[in-house]
N, C-alpha and C. Protein backbone atom coordinates (compact mmCIF):
# COMPACT_ATOMS: atom_id res chain seq x y z
N GLY A 1 -29.37 107.25 158.95
CA GLY A 1 -29.04 105.97 158.38
C GLY A 1 -30.11 104.95 158.64
N VAL A 2 -29.97 103.86 157.94
CA VAL A 2 -30.90 102.75 158.05
C VAL A 2 -30.15 101.56 158.66
N LYS A 3 -30.76 100.92 159.63
CA LYS A 3 -30.15 99.73 160.21
C LYS A 3 -30.60 98.52 159.40
N ALA A 4 -29.66 97.84 158.82
CA ALA A 4 -29.97 96.67 158.01
C ALA A 4 -30.19 95.46 158.91
N GLU A 5 -31.34 94.85 158.78
CA GLU A 5 -31.63 93.63 159.53
C GLU A 5 -30.90 92.44 158.90
N LYS A 6 -30.96 92.37 157.60
CA LYS A 6 -30.30 91.29 156.85
C LYS A 6 -29.43 91.91 155.78
N VAL A 7 -28.24 91.36 155.62
CA VAL A 7 -27.33 91.83 154.58
C VAL A 7 -27.01 90.66 153.66
N VAL A 8 -27.34 90.83 152.38
CA VAL A 8 -27.03 89.83 151.37
C VAL A 8 -26.19 90.51 150.30
N LEU A 9 -25.04 89.94 150.01
CA LEU A 9 -24.15 90.49 148.99
C LEU A 9 -24.28 89.67 147.71
N VAL A 10 -24.31 90.35 146.58
CA VAL A 10 -24.46 89.70 145.27
C VAL A 10 -23.36 90.22 144.36
N GLY A 11 -22.72 89.30 143.63
CA GLY A 11 -21.69 89.72 142.69
C GLY A 11 -21.60 88.77 141.51
N ASP A 12 -21.35 89.34 140.35
CA ASP A 12 -21.20 88.58 139.11
C ASP A 12 -19.77 88.72 138.61
N SER A 13 -19.15 87.61 138.25
CA SER A 13 -17.80 87.58 137.69
C SER A 13 -16.81 88.19 138.68
N ALA A 14 -16.16 89.29 138.33
CA ALA A 14 -15.22 89.94 139.25
C ALA A 14 -15.94 90.41 140.52
N GLY A 15 -17.21 90.78 140.38
CA GLY A 15 -18.00 91.15 141.55
C GLY A 15 -18.20 89.98 142.49
N GLY A 16 -18.32 88.78 141.94
CA GLY A 16 -18.40 87.57 142.75
C GLY A 16 -17.11 87.34 143.51
N ASN A 17 -15.99 87.65 142.86
CA ASN A 17 -14.68 87.57 143.51
C ASN A 17 -14.64 88.52 144.70
N LEU A 18 -15.10 89.74 144.48
CA LEU A 18 -15.10 90.74 145.56
C LEU A 18 -15.99 90.32 146.72
N VAL A 19 -17.17 89.79 146.42
CA VAL A 19 -18.09 89.35 147.47
C VAL A 19 -17.47 88.20 148.28
N ALA A 20 -16.89 87.22 147.59
CA ALA A 20 -16.27 86.09 148.28
C ALA A 20 -15.09 86.54 149.14
N SER A 21 -14.26 87.43 148.60
CA SER A 21 -13.11 87.95 149.34
C SER A 21 -13.55 88.75 150.56
N LEU A 22 -14.54 89.62 150.36
CA LEU A 22 -15.05 90.43 151.46
C LEU A 22 -15.63 89.54 152.56
N THR A 23 -16.34 88.50 152.18
CA THR A 23 -16.93 87.59 153.16
C THR A 23 -15.83 86.90 153.96
N ALA A 24 -14.78 86.42 153.29
CA ALA A 24 -13.65 85.79 153.99
C ALA A 24 -13.00 86.78 154.95
N LYS A 25 -12.86 88.02 154.52
CA LYS A 25 -12.25 89.06 155.35
C LYS A 25 -13.11 89.34 156.58
N THR A 26 -14.43 89.40 156.41
CA THR A 26 -15.30 89.66 157.56
C THR A 26 -15.22 88.52 158.58
N ILE A 27 -15.10 87.28 158.08
CA ILE A 27 -14.96 86.14 158.99
C ILE A 27 -13.65 86.25 159.76
N LYS A 28 -12.57 86.50 159.03
CA LYS A 28 -11.24 86.58 159.65
C LYS A 28 -11.16 87.70 160.68
N GLU A 29 -11.75 88.84 160.37
CA GLU A 29 -11.64 90.01 161.25
C GLU A 29 -12.71 90.06 162.33
N ASN A 30 -13.55 89.02 162.40
CA ASN A 30 -14.62 88.95 163.41
C ASN A 30 -15.56 90.16 163.36
N ILE A 31 -15.90 90.57 162.14
CA ILE A 31 -16.91 91.61 161.98
C ILE A 31 -18.14 90.97 161.35
N ARG A 32 -19.20 91.71 161.26
CA ARG A 32 -20.45 91.12 160.79
C ARG A 32 -20.29 90.42 159.44
N VAL A 33 -20.67 89.17 159.44
CA VAL A 33 -20.63 88.35 158.22
C VAL A 33 -21.97 88.51 157.52
N PRO A 34 -21.96 88.61 156.19
CA PRO A 34 -23.25 88.73 155.48
C PRO A 34 -24.18 87.57 155.83
N ASP A 35 -25.46 87.85 155.83
CA ASP A 35 -26.46 86.81 156.10
C ASP A 35 -26.58 85.86 154.92
N GLY A 36 -26.16 86.32 153.76
CA GLY A 36 -26.18 85.48 152.57
C GLY A 36 -25.30 86.09 151.50
N ILE A 37 -24.83 85.23 150.62
CA ILE A 37 -24.08 85.72 149.46
C ILE A 37 -24.58 84.98 148.22
N VAL A 38 -24.59 85.68 147.10
CA VAL A 38 -24.96 85.10 145.82
C VAL A 38 -23.81 85.39 144.86
N LEU A 39 -23.19 84.34 144.38
CA LEU A 39 -22.07 84.47 143.45
C LEU A 39 -22.53 83.96 142.09
N VAL A 40 -22.49 84.84 141.10
CA VAL A 40 -22.92 84.47 139.76
C VAL A 40 -21.67 84.38 138.89
N TYR A 41 -21.34 83.15 138.47
CA TYR A 41 -20.17 82.90 137.64
C TYR A 41 -18.95 83.66 138.16
N PRO A 42 -18.59 83.42 139.43
CA PRO A 42 -17.51 84.20 140.04
C PRO A 42 -16.12 83.75 139.59
N SER A 43 -15.21 84.68 139.61
CA SER A 43 -13.79 84.38 139.38
C SER A 43 -13.18 84.12 140.75
N LEU A 44 -13.05 82.86 141.10
CA LEU A 44 -12.61 82.53 142.45
C LEU A 44 -11.13 82.16 142.55
N ASP A 45 -10.50 81.86 141.43
CA ASP A 45 -9.07 81.54 141.46
C ASP A 45 -8.41 82.17 140.24
N LEU A 46 -7.68 83.24 140.46
CA LEU A 46 -7.05 83.97 139.37
C LEU A 46 -5.69 83.40 139.00
N ASN A 47 -5.37 82.24 139.54
CA ASN A 47 -4.09 81.60 139.26
C ASN A 47 -4.03 81.03 137.84
N LEU A 48 -5.19 80.82 137.23
CA LEU A 48 -5.31 80.34 135.84
C LEU A 48 -4.53 79.06 135.57
N LYS A 49 -4.67 78.11 136.47
CA LYS A 49 -4.09 76.78 136.24
C LYS A 49 -5.10 75.94 135.48
N TYR A 50 -4.66 74.84 134.97
CA TYR A 50 -5.54 74.01 134.15
C TYR A 50 -6.43 73.13 135.02
N THR A 51 -7.42 73.75 135.62
CA THR A 51 -8.41 73.03 136.42
C THR A 51 -9.47 72.46 135.48
N ASN A 52 -10.32 71.60 136.02
CA ASN A 52 -11.40 71.03 135.20
C ASN A 52 -12.29 72.12 134.61
N SER A 53 -12.64 73.12 135.42
CA SER A 53 -13.52 74.17 134.90
C SER A 53 -12.81 75.01 133.84
N TYR A 54 -11.53 75.26 134.02
CA TYR A 54 -10.77 76.03 133.03
C TYR A 54 -10.70 75.26 131.71
N LEU A 55 -10.44 73.97 131.79
CA LEU A 55 -10.39 73.15 130.57
C LEU A 55 -11.75 73.08 129.90
N LYS A 56 -12.81 73.04 130.70
CA LYS A 56 -14.16 72.99 130.13
C LYS A 56 -14.48 74.29 129.37
N ILE A 57 -14.12 75.40 129.97
CA ILE A 57 -14.34 76.70 129.32
C ILE A 57 -13.63 76.74 127.97
N ILE A 58 -12.39 76.25 127.96
CA ILE A 58 -11.61 76.24 126.72
C ILE A 58 -12.24 75.32 125.69
N SER A 59 -12.59 74.11 126.12
CA SER A 59 -13.13 73.12 125.17
C SER A 59 -14.50 73.53 124.62
N GLU A 60 -15.29 74.21 125.41
CA GLU A 60 -16.61 74.64 124.95
C GLU A 60 -16.58 76.02 124.31
N ARG A 61 -15.40 76.58 124.25
CA ARG A 61 -15.19 77.90 123.64
C ARG A 61 -16.08 78.99 124.24
N LEU A 62 -16.33 78.86 125.53
CA LEU A 62 -17.09 79.90 126.22
C LEU A 62 -16.24 81.16 126.37
N LEU A 63 -14.97 80.94 126.68
CA LEU A 63 -14.02 82.04 126.78
C LEU A 63 -12.73 81.61 126.10
N VAL A 64 -12.16 82.50 125.37
CA VAL A 64 -10.87 82.23 124.74
C VAL A 64 -9.80 82.42 125.81
N PRO A 65 -8.88 81.45 125.98
CA PRO A 65 -7.88 81.55 127.05
C PRO A 65 -7.13 82.88 127.07
N ASN A 66 -6.82 83.43 125.91
CA ASN A 66 -6.09 84.69 125.87
C ASN A 66 -6.91 85.83 126.47
N ILE A 67 -8.21 85.83 126.21
CA ILE A 67 -9.07 86.87 126.77
C ILE A 67 -9.21 86.69 128.28
N LEU A 68 -9.34 85.44 128.72
CA LEU A 68 -9.42 85.16 130.15
C LEU A 68 -8.15 85.64 130.86
N LYS A 69 -7.00 85.40 130.26
CA LYS A 69 -5.73 85.85 130.83
C LYS A 69 -5.66 87.38 130.86
N ARG A 70 -6.12 88.02 129.81
CA ARG A 70 -6.09 89.48 129.77
C ARG A 70 -6.99 90.08 130.85
N CYS A 71 -8.13 89.47 131.05
CA CYS A 71 -9.04 89.95 132.10
C CYS A 71 -8.39 89.79 133.48
N ALA A 72 -7.81 88.63 133.72
CA ALA A 72 -7.14 88.39 135.01
C ALA A 72 -5.99 89.36 135.21
N ASP A 73 -5.23 89.62 134.15
CA ASP A 73 -4.11 90.56 134.25
C ASP A 73 -4.58 91.98 134.53
N ALA A 74 -5.72 92.36 133.96
CA ALA A 74 -6.26 93.70 134.21
C ALA A 74 -6.79 93.81 135.64
N TYR A 75 -7.41 92.74 136.14
CA TYR A 75 -8.01 92.76 137.47
C TYR A 75 -6.95 92.61 138.56
N ALA A 76 -5.97 91.74 138.33
CA ALA A 76 -4.94 91.46 139.34
C ALA A 76 -3.60 91.28 138.64
N PRO A 77 -2.93 92.38 138.28
CA PRO A 77 -1.65 92.29 137.57
C PRO A 77 -0.61 91.48 138.36
N LEU A 78 0.03 90.55 137.69
CA LEU A 78 1.00 89.67 138.34
C LEU A 78 2.14 90.45 139.00
N ASP A 79 2.53 91.57 138.42
CA ASP A 79 3.64 92.33 139.00
C ASP A 79 3.24 93.15 140.23
N LYS A 80 1.94 93.19 140.55
CA LYS A 80 1.47 93.98 141.69
C LYS A 80 0.70 93.18 142.71
N VAL A 81 0.26 91.98 142.34
CA VAL A 81 -0.66 91.23 143.19
C VAL A 81 -0.21 89.78 143.29
N ASP A 82 -0.34 89.22 144.50
CA ASP A 82 -0.08 87.80 144.71
C ASP A 82 -1.39 87.05 144.48
N ARG A 83 -1.49 86.38 143.35
CA ARG A 83 -2.75 85.70 143.01
C ARG A 83 -3.00 84.46 143.86
N LEU A 84 -2.03 84.05 144.65
CA LEU A 84 -2.26 82.93 145.57
C LEU A 84 -2.87 83.41 146.89
N ASN A 85 -2.89 84.71 147.11
CA ASN A 85 -3.49 85.28 148.31
C ASN A 85 -5.00 85.04 148.27
N TYR A 86 -5.56 84.58 149.37
CA TYR A 86 -6.98 84.24 149.37
C TYR A 86 -7.89 85.45 149.17
N LEU A 87 -7.39 86.65 149.42
CA LEU A 87 -8.22 87.83 149.18
C LEU A 87 -8.26 88.19 147.70
N VAL A 88 -7.35 87.63 146.91
CA VAL A 88 -7.35 87.80 145.46
C VAL A 88 -8.02 86.61 144.79
N SER A 89 -7.73 85.42 145.30
CA SER A 89 -8.30 84.17 144.80
C SER A 89 -9.03 83.49 145.95
N PRO A 90 -10.27 83.88 146.23
CA PRO A 90 -10.96 83.40 147.42
C PRO A 90 -11.17 81.89 147.50
N LEU A 91 -11.02 81.20 146.38
CA LEU A 91 -11.09 79.74 146.42
C LEU A 91 -9.99 79.18 147.32
N ARG A 92 -8.94 79.95 147.53
CA ARG A 92 -7.80 79.54 148.34
C ARG A 92 -7.91 79.96 149.81
N THR A 93 -9.10 80.38 150.22
CA THR A 93 -9.29 80.76 151.62
C THR A 93 -9.03 79.56 152.52
N PRO A 94 -8.15 79.72 153.52
CA PRO A 94 -7.84 78.59 154.40
C PRO A 94 -9.07 78.10 155.16
N ASN A 95 -9.12 76.80 155.37
CA ASN A 95 -10.23 76.21 156.13
C ASN A 95 -10.35 76.82 157.52
N SER A 96 -9.22 77.21 158.10
CA SER A 96 -9.26 77.80 159.44
C SER A 96 -10.10 79.08 159.47
N ILE A 97 -10.16 79.77 158.35
CA ILE A 97 -11.01 80.97 158.26
C ILE A 97 -12.44 80.56 157.91
N LEU A 98 -12.58 79.71 156.92
CA LEU A 98 -13.92 79.32 156.45
C LEU A 98 -14.76 78.70 157.54
N PHE A 99 -14.16 77.84 158.34
CA PHE A 99 -14.93 77.11 159.34
C PHE A 99 -14.98 77.83 160.69
N LYS A 100 -14.35 78.98 160.76
CA LYS A 100 -14.33 79.76 161.99
C LYS A 100 -15.73 80.20 162.42
N SER A 101 -16.57 80.53 161.45
CA SER A 101 -17.89 81.06 161.79
C SER A 101 -18.98 80.00 161.83
N LEU A 102 -18.63 78.74 161.57
CA LEU A 102 -19.65 77.68 161.59
C LEU A 102 -19.92 77.22 163.00
N SER A 103 -21.17 77.02 163.31
CA SER A 103 -21.53 76.41 164.58
C SER A 103 -22.23 75.10 164.25
N ILE A 104 -21.59 74.03 164.64
CA ILE A 104 -22.10 72.70 164.30
C ILE A 104 -22.72 72.06 165.52
């Protein structure tokens, strides 16, 4: 094996969701936290509420709401997954976890 000196995780869209969730999990479990993360247009809240970014996407027709809902349903079906769980919607990660690894 190879010993990694630096670990940087990169994810796009659903991959960004996975990277953010994994990072929160590593912080919570006190295991090695990535040295860096790059999130490209990540899906951070699968709750699909009418946030400013959600309304902007709709108004600019970047994504059709029905397609966005279908993608979220395929990734995290409501009947099987709690979309309020921070490991599903990492934007909802509690501050107690986020700030656990900060040294100020």
